[in-house]
Amino acid sequence: MKYDATGLLVNAAKALRKRDGGTAYALAELAENLRKVMAGEATLDEFRAAYVCSKEPIDPEKVVPA
C-alpha cells in the first residue's frame, strides 16, 4: 500500500493551523519541498540543505499510542 506523503503532511498542517501556526506552516512547506523532490523538480541534496534528520529511529507506536 502506498501513502500520499505530501497529503499526510498537508492534513497535519491543517489540523495544527489554529493551535500552532508556525508548525503548521513548516509542515506545509515541508510537504511542498518533499513534493518537489519526489517530482524530480529538486534534488535530495537541495532538500537536505534545508532539513536535518533525527539520528534516533522514530517509533510510531510511541508517538501515537493505540
PDB file of N, CA and C in Angstrom:
ATOM      1  N   MET A   1       0.839  -1.173   0.000  1.00  0.00           N
ATOM      2  CA  MET A   1       0.000   0.000   0.000  1.00  0.00           C
ATOM      3  C   MET A   1       0.891   1.246   0.000  1.00  0.00           C
ATOM      4  N   LYS A   2       0.532   2.211  -0.804  1.00  0.00           N
ATOM      5  CA  LYS A   2       1.266   3.473  -0.848  1.00  0.00           C
ATOM      6  C   LYS A   2       0.438   4.548  -0.143  1.00  0.00           C
ATOM      7  N   TYR A   3       1.148   5.463   0.506  1.00  0.00           N
ATOM      8  CA  TYR A   3       0.517   6.591   1.188  1.00  0.00           C
ATOM      9  C   TYR A   3       0.875   7.876   0.467  1.00  0.00           C
ATOM     10  N   ASP A   4      -0.020   8.833   0.493  1.00  0.00           N
ATOM     11  CA  ASP A   4       0.225  10.160  -0.061  1.00  0.00           C
ATOM     12  C   ASP A   4       0.985  10.954   0.996  1.00  0.00           C
ATOM     13  N   ALA A   5       2.311  10.918   0.937  1.00  0.00           N
ATOM     14  CA  ALA A   5       3.147  11.546   1.960  1.00  0.00           C
ATOM     15  C   ALA A   5       2.880  13.046   2.065  1.00  0.00           C
ATOM     16  N   THR A   6       2.777  13.715   0.936  1.00  0.00           N
ATOM     17  CA  THR A   6       2.549  15.152   0.987  1.00  0.00           C
ATOM     18  C   THR A   6       1.144  15.455   1.497  1.00  0.00           C
ATOM     19  N   GLY A   7       0.194  14.634   1.141  1.00  0.00           N
ATOM     20  CA  GLY A   7      -1.173  14.805   1.635  1.00  0.00           C
ATOM     21  C   GLY A   7      -1.257  14.628   3.142  1.00  0.00           C
ATOM     22  N   LEU A   8      -0.512  13.669   3.674  1.00  0.00           N
ATOM     23  CA  LEU A   8      -0.476  13.475   5.126  1.00  0.00           C
ATOM     24  C   LEU A   8       0.078  14.709   5.824  1.00  0.00           C
ATOM     25  N   LEU A   9       1.144  15.268   5.260  1.00  0.00           N
ATOM     26  CA  LEU A   9       1.741  16.467   5.854  1.00  0.00           C
ATOM     27  C   LEU A   9       0.802  17.673   5.773  1.00  0.00           C
ATOM     28  N   VAL A  10       0.132  17.825   4.656  1.00  0.00           N
ATOM     29  CA  VAL A  10      -0.814  18.943   4.499  1.00  0.00           C
ATOM     30  C   VAL A  10      -1.972  18.791   5.484  1.00  0.00           C
ATOM     31  N   ASN A  11      -2.489  17.582   5.638  1.00  0.00           N
ATOM     32  CA  ASN A  11      -3.581  17.363   6.591  1.00  0.00           C
ATOM     33  C   ASN A  11      -3.131  17.651   8.016  1.00  0.00           C
ATOM     34  N   ALA A  12      -1.910  17.268   8.359  1.00  0.00           N
ATOM     35  CA  ALA A  12      -1.370  17.573   9.689  1.00  0.00           C
ATOM     36  C   ALA A  12      -1.244  19.086   9.868  1.00  0.00           C
ATOM     37  N   ALA A  13      -0.804  19.777   8.831  1.00  0.00           N
ATOM     38  CA  ALA A  13      -0.679  21.241   8.896  1.00  0.00           C
ATOM     39  C   ALA A  13      -2.046  21.882   9.112  1.00  0.00           C
ATOM     40  N   LYS A  14      -3.046  21.414   8.384  1.00  0.00           N
ATOM     41  CA  LYS A  14      -4.396  21.965   8.543  1.00  0.00           C
ATOM     42  C   LYS A  14      -4.929  21.715   9.954  1.00  0.00           C
ATOM     43  N   ALA A  15      -4.646  20.537  10.506  1.00  0.00           N
ATOM     44  CA  ALA A  15      -5.109  20.213  11.850  1.00  0.00           C
ATOM     45  C   ALA A  15      -4.441  21.099  12.903  1.00  0.00           C
ATOM     46  N   LEU A  16      -3.210  21.522  12.661  1.00  0.00           N
ATOM     47  CA  LEU A  16      -2.466  22.353  13.611  1.00  0.00           C
ATOM     48  C   LEU A  16      -2.649  23.851  13.406  1.00  0.00           C
ATOM     49  N   ARG A  17      -3.221  24.236  12.303  1.00  0.00           N
ATOM     50  CA  ARG A  17      -3.257  25.643  11.879  1.00  0.00           C
ATOM     51  C   ARG A  17      -3.693  26.603  12.987  1.00  0.00           C
ATOM     52  N   LYS A  18      -4.781  26.311  13.674  1.00  0.00           N
ATOM     53  CA  LYS A  18      -5.290  27.239  14.690  1.00  0.00           C
ATOM     54  C   LYS A  18      -4.487  27.175  15.987  1.00  0.00           C
ATOM     55  N   ARG A  19      -3.956  26.013  16.320  1.00  0.00           N
ATOM     56  CA  ARG A  19      -3.248  25.837  17.592  1.00  0.00           C
ATOM     57  C   ARG A  19      -1.792  26.274  17.520  1.00  0.00           C
ATOM     58  N   ASP A  20      -1.146  26.027  16.385  1.00  0.00           N
ATOM     59  CA  ASP A  20       0.287  26.325  16.248  1.00  0.00           C
ATOM     60  C   ASP A  20       0.589  26.665  14.795  1.00  0.00           C
ATOM     61  N   GLY A  21       0.358  27.923  14.450  1.00  0.00           N
ATOM     62  CA  GLY A  21       0.511  28.358  13.067  1.00  0.00           C
ATOM     63  C   GLY A  21       1.915  28.199  12.512  1.00  0.00           C
ATOM     64  N   GLY A  22       2.920  28.384  13.363  1.00  0.00           N
ATOM     65  CA  GLY A  22       4.304  28.256  12.898  1.00  0.00           C
ATOM     66  C   GLY A  22       4.637  26.834  12.483  1.00  0.00           C
ATOM     67  N   THR A  23       4.255  25.888  13.312  1.00  0.00           N
ATOM     68  CA  THR A  23       4.494  24.476  12.977  1.00  0.00           C
ATOM     69  C   THR A  23       3.662  24.072  11.774  1.00  0.00           C
ATOM     70  N   ALA A  24       2.432  24.559  11.701  1.00  0.00           N
ATOM     71  CA  ALA A  24       1.570  24.251  10.561  1.00  0.00           C
ATOM     72  C   ALA A  24       2.211  24.735   9.260  1.00  0.00           C
ATOM     73  N   TYR A  25       2.738  25.955   9.288  1.00  0.00           N
ATOM     74  CA  TYR A  25       3.394  26.499   8.095  1.00  0.00           C
ATOM     75  C   TYR A  25       4.614  25.664   7.731  1.00  0.00           C
ATOM     76  N   ALA A  26       5.411  25.294   8.738  1.00  0.00           N
ATOM     77  CA  ALA A  26       6.611  24.489   8.484  1.00  0.00           C
ATOM     78  C   ALA A  26       6.243  23.136   7.874  1.00  0.00           C
ATOM     79  N   LEU A  27       5.156  22.531   8.331  1.00  0.00           N
ATOM     80  CA  LEU A  27       4.720  21.256   7.754  1.00  0.00           C
ATOM     81  C   LEU A  27       4.262  21.424   6.313  1.00  0.00           C
ATOM     82  N   ALA A  28       3.536  22.497   6.036  1.00  0.00           N
ATOM     83  CA  ALA A  28       3.089  22.748   4.658  1.00  0.00           C
ATOM     84  C   ALA A  28       4.290  22.994   3.743  1.00  0.00           C
ATOM     85  N   GLU A  29       5.270  23.726   4.240  1.00  0.00           N
ATOM     86  CA  GLU A  29       6.484  23.978   3.462  1.00  0.00           C
ATOM     87  C   GLU A  29       7.252  22.674   3.235  1.00  0.00           C
ATOM     88  N   LEU A  30       7.333  21.836   4.268  1.00  0.00           N
ATOM     89  CA  LEU A  30       7.971  20.525   4.135  1.00  0.00           C
ATOM     90  C   LEU A  30       7.262  19.697   3.068  1.00  0.00           C
ATOM     91  N   ALA A  31       5.934  19.726   3.079  1.00  0.00           N
ATOM     92  CA  ALA A  31       5.163  18.980   2.078  1.00  0.00           C
ATOM     93  C   ALA A  31       5.514  19.436   0.663  1.00  0.00           C
ATOM     94  N   GLU A  32       5.592  20.739   0.463  1.00  0.00           N
ATOM     95  CA  GLU A  32       5.908  21.266  -0.869  1.00  0.00           C
ATOM     96  C   GLU A  32       7.329  20.903  -1.286  1.00  0.00           C
ATOM     97  N   ASN A  33       8.270  21.016  -0.354  1.00  0.00           N
ATOM     98  CA  ASN A  33       9.650  20.674  -0.701  1.00  0.00           C
ATOM     99  C   ASN A  33       9.817  19.178  -0.957  1.00  0.00           C
ATOM    100  N   LEU A  34       9.116  18.353  -0.218  1.00  0.00           N
ATOM    101  CA  LEU A  34       9.136  16.912  -0.476  1.00  0.00           C
ATOM    102  C   LEU A  34       8.500  16.604  -1.833  1.00  0.00           C
ATOM    103  N   ARG A  35       7.411  17.304  -2.158  1.00  0.00           N
ATOM    104  CA  ARG A  35       6.761  17.117  -3.459  1.00  0.00           C
ATOM    105  C   ARG A  35       7.729  17.425  -4.590  1.00  0.00           C
ATOM    106  N   LYS A  36       8.500  18.498  -4.433  1.00  0.00           N
ATOM    107  CA  LYS A  36       9.474  18.868  -5.463  1.00  0.00           C
ATOM    108  C   LYS A  36      10.518  17.774  -5.655  1.00  0.00           C
ATOM    109  N   VAL A  37      11.006  17.203  -4.557  1.00  0.00           N
ATOM    110  CA  VAL A  37      11.995  16.122  -4.657  1.00  0.00           C
ATOM    111  C   VAL A  37      11.373  14.911  -5.336  1.00  0.00           C
ATOM    112  N   MET A  38      10.173  14.543  -4.908  1.00  0.00           N
ATOM    113  CA  MET A  38       9.531  13.347  -5.459  1.00  0.00           C
ATOM    114  C   MET A  38       9.142  13.526  -6.923  1.00  0.00           C
ATOM    115  N   ALA A  39       8.892  14.774  -7.335  1.00  0.00           N
ATOM    116  CA  ALA A  39       8.535  15.057  -8.727  1.00  0.00           C
ATOM    117  C   ALA A  39       9.764  15.291  -9.598  1.00  0.00           C
ATOM    118  N   GLY A  40      10.953  15.271  -9.010  1.00  0.00           N
ATOM    119  CA  GLY A  40      12.172  15.497  -9.770  1.00  0.00           C
ATOM    120  C   GLY A  40      12.456  16.956 -10.055  1.00  0.00           C
ATOM    121  N   GLU A  41      11.765  17.862  -9.350  1.00  0.00           N
ATOM    122  CA  GLU A  41      11.971  19.298  -9.545  1.00  0.00           C
ATOM    123  C   GLU A  41      13.082  19.840  -8.649  1.00  0.00           C
ATOM    124  N   ALA A  42      13.521  19.051  -7.683  1.00  0.00           N
ATOM    125  CA  ALA A  42      14.617  19.420  -6.780  1.00  0.00           C
ATOM    126  C   ALA A  42      15.380  18.146  -6.448  1.00  0.00           C
ATOM    127  N   THR A  43      16.615  18.322  -6.023  1.00  0.00           N
ATOM    128  CA  THR A  43      17.433  17.158  -5.691  1.00  0.00           C
ATOM    129  C   THR A  43      17.352  16.857  -4.196  1.00  0.00           C
ATOM    130  N   LEU A  44      17.739  15.655  -3.845  1.00  0.00           N
ATOM    131  CA  LEU A  44      17.798  15.274  -2.441  1.00  0.00           C
ATOM    132  C   LEU A  44      18.827  16.134  -1.706  1.00  0.00           C
ATOM    133  N   ASP A  45      19.900  16.493  -2.371  1.00  0.00           N
ATOM    134  CA  ASP A  45      20.897  17.368  -1.759  1.00  0.00           C
ATOM    135  C   ASP A  45      20.311  18.746  -1.437  1.00  0.00           C
ATOM    136  N   GLU A  46      19.476  19.271  -2.328  1.00  0.00           N
ATOM    137  CA  GLU A  46      18.813  20.554  -2.064  1.00  0.00           C
ATOM    138  C   GLU A  46      17.869  20.427  -0.862  1.00  0.00           C
ATOM    139  N   PHE A  47      17.172  19.313  -0.790  1.00  0.00           N
ATOM    140  CA  PHE A  47      16.270  19.043   0.328  1.00  0.00           C
ATOM    141  C   PHE A  47      17.067  18.970   1.628  1.00  0.00           C
ATOM    142  N   ARG A  48      18.151  18.247   1.599  1.00  0.00           N
ATOM    143  CA  ARG A  48      18.991  18.087   2.796  1.00  0.00           C
ATOM    144  C   ARG A  48      19.627  19.397   3.230  1.00  0.00           C
ATOM    145  N   ALA A  49      19.782  20.337   2.320  1.00  0.00           N
ATOM    146  CA  ALA A  49      20.338  21.639   2.678  1.00  0.00           C
ATOM    147  C   ALA A  49      19.370  22.424   3.572  1.00  0.00           C
ATOM    148  N   ALA A  50      18.087  22.094   3.498  1.00  0.00           N
ATOM    149  CA  ALA A  50      17.078  22.817   4.276  1.00  0.00           C
ATOM    150  C   ALA A  50      16.611  22.064   5.518  1.00  0.00           C
ATOM    151  N   TYR A  51      16.832  20.759   5.555  1.00  0.00           N
ATOM    152  CA  TYR A  51      16.289  19.944   6.642  1.00  0.00           C
ATOM    153  C   TYR A  51      17.367  19.053   7.255  1.00  0.00           C
ATOM    154  N   VAL A  52      17.200  18.783   8.531  1.00  0.00           N
ATOM    155  CA  VAL A  52      18.044  17.818   9.216  1.00  0.00           C
ATOM    156  C   VAL A  52      17.156  16.662   9.649  1.00  0.00           C
ATOM    157  N   CYS A  53      17.786  15.567  10.020  1.00  0.00           N
ATOM    158  CA  CYS A  53      17.041  14.374  10.391  1.00  0.00           C
ATOM    159  C   CYS A  53      17.462  13.915  11.774  1.00  0.00           C
ATOM    160  N   SER A  54      16.506  13.467  12.548  1.00  0.00           N
ATOM    161  CA  SER A  54      16.795  12.902  13.862  1.00  0.00           C
ATOM    162  C   SER A  54      17.670  11.676  13.693  1.00  0.00           C
ATOM    163  N   LYS A  55      18.626  11.527  14.575  1.00  0.00           N
ATOM    164  CA  LYS A  55      19.505  10.360  14.494  1.00  0.00           C
ATOM    165  C   LYS A  55      18.843   9.121  15.086  1.00  0.00           C
ATOM    166  N   GLU A  56      17.851   9.346  15.936  1.00  0.00           N
ATOM    167  CA  GLU A  56      17.155   8.234  16.572  1.00  0.00           C
ATOM    168  C   GLU A  56      15.994   7.778  15.688  1.00  0.00           C
ATOM    169  N   PRO A  57      15.767   6.471  15.612  1.00  0.00           N
ATOM    170  CA  PRO A  57      14.605   5.973  14.876  1.00  0.00           C
ATOM    171  C   PRO A  57      13.307   6.519  15.497  1.00  0.00           C
ATOM    172  N   ILE A  58      12.317   6.698  14.664  1.00  0.00           N
ATOM    173  CA  ILE A  58      11.022   7.192  15.125  1.00  0.00           C
ATOM    174  C   ILE A  58      10.063   6.011  15.200  1.00  0.00           C
ATOM    175  N   ASP A  59       9.560   5.746  16.403  1.00  0.00           N
ATOM    176  CA  ASP A  59       8.637   4.632  16.627  1.00  0.00           C
ATOM    177  C   ASP A  59       7.208   5.175  16.631  1.00  0.00           C
ATOM    178  N   PRO A  60       6.437   4.936  15.563  1.00  0.00           N
ATOM    179  CA  PRO A  60       5.069   5.456  15.504  1.00  0.00           C
ATOM    180  C   PRO A  60       4.212   5.037  16.700  1.00  0.00           C
ATOM    181  N   GLU A  61       4.456   3.860  17.257  1.00  0.00           N
ATOM    182  CA  GLU A  61       3.682   3.388  18.407  1.00  0.00           C
ATOM    183  C   GLU A  61       3.933   4.255  19.649  1.00  0.00           C
ATOM    184  N   LYS A  62       5.137   4.807  19.757  1.00  0.00           N
ATOM    185  CA  LYS A  62       5.438   5.690  20.887  1.00  0.00           C
ATOM    186  C   LYS A  62       4.928   7.099  20.637  1.00  0.00           C
ATOM    187  N   VAL A  63       4.947   7.533  19.389  1.00  0.00           N
ATOM    188  CA  VAL A  63       4.483   8.877  19.051  1.00  0.00           C
ATOM    189  C   VAL A  63       2.958   8.966  19.185  1.00  0.00           C
ATOM    190  N   VAL A  64       2.268   7.951  18.664  1.00  0.00           N
ATOM    191  CA  VAL A  64       0.807   7.918  18.693  1.00  0.00           C
ATOM    192  C   VAL A  64       0.380   6.557  19.244  1.00  0.00           C
ATOM    193  N   PRO A  65       0.355   6.425  20.566  1.00  0.00           N
ATOM    194  CA  PRO A  65      -0.023   5.136  21.149  1.00  0.00           C
ATOM    195  C   PRO A  65      -1.456   4.757  20.778  1.00  0.00           C
ATOM    196  N   ALA A  66      -1.687   3.480  20.643  1.00  0.00           N
ATOM    197  CA  ALA A  66      -3.027   2.990  20.282  1.00  0.00           C
ATOM    198  C   ALA A  66      -4.019   3.208  21.402  1.00  0.00           C
TER     199      ALA A  66
END
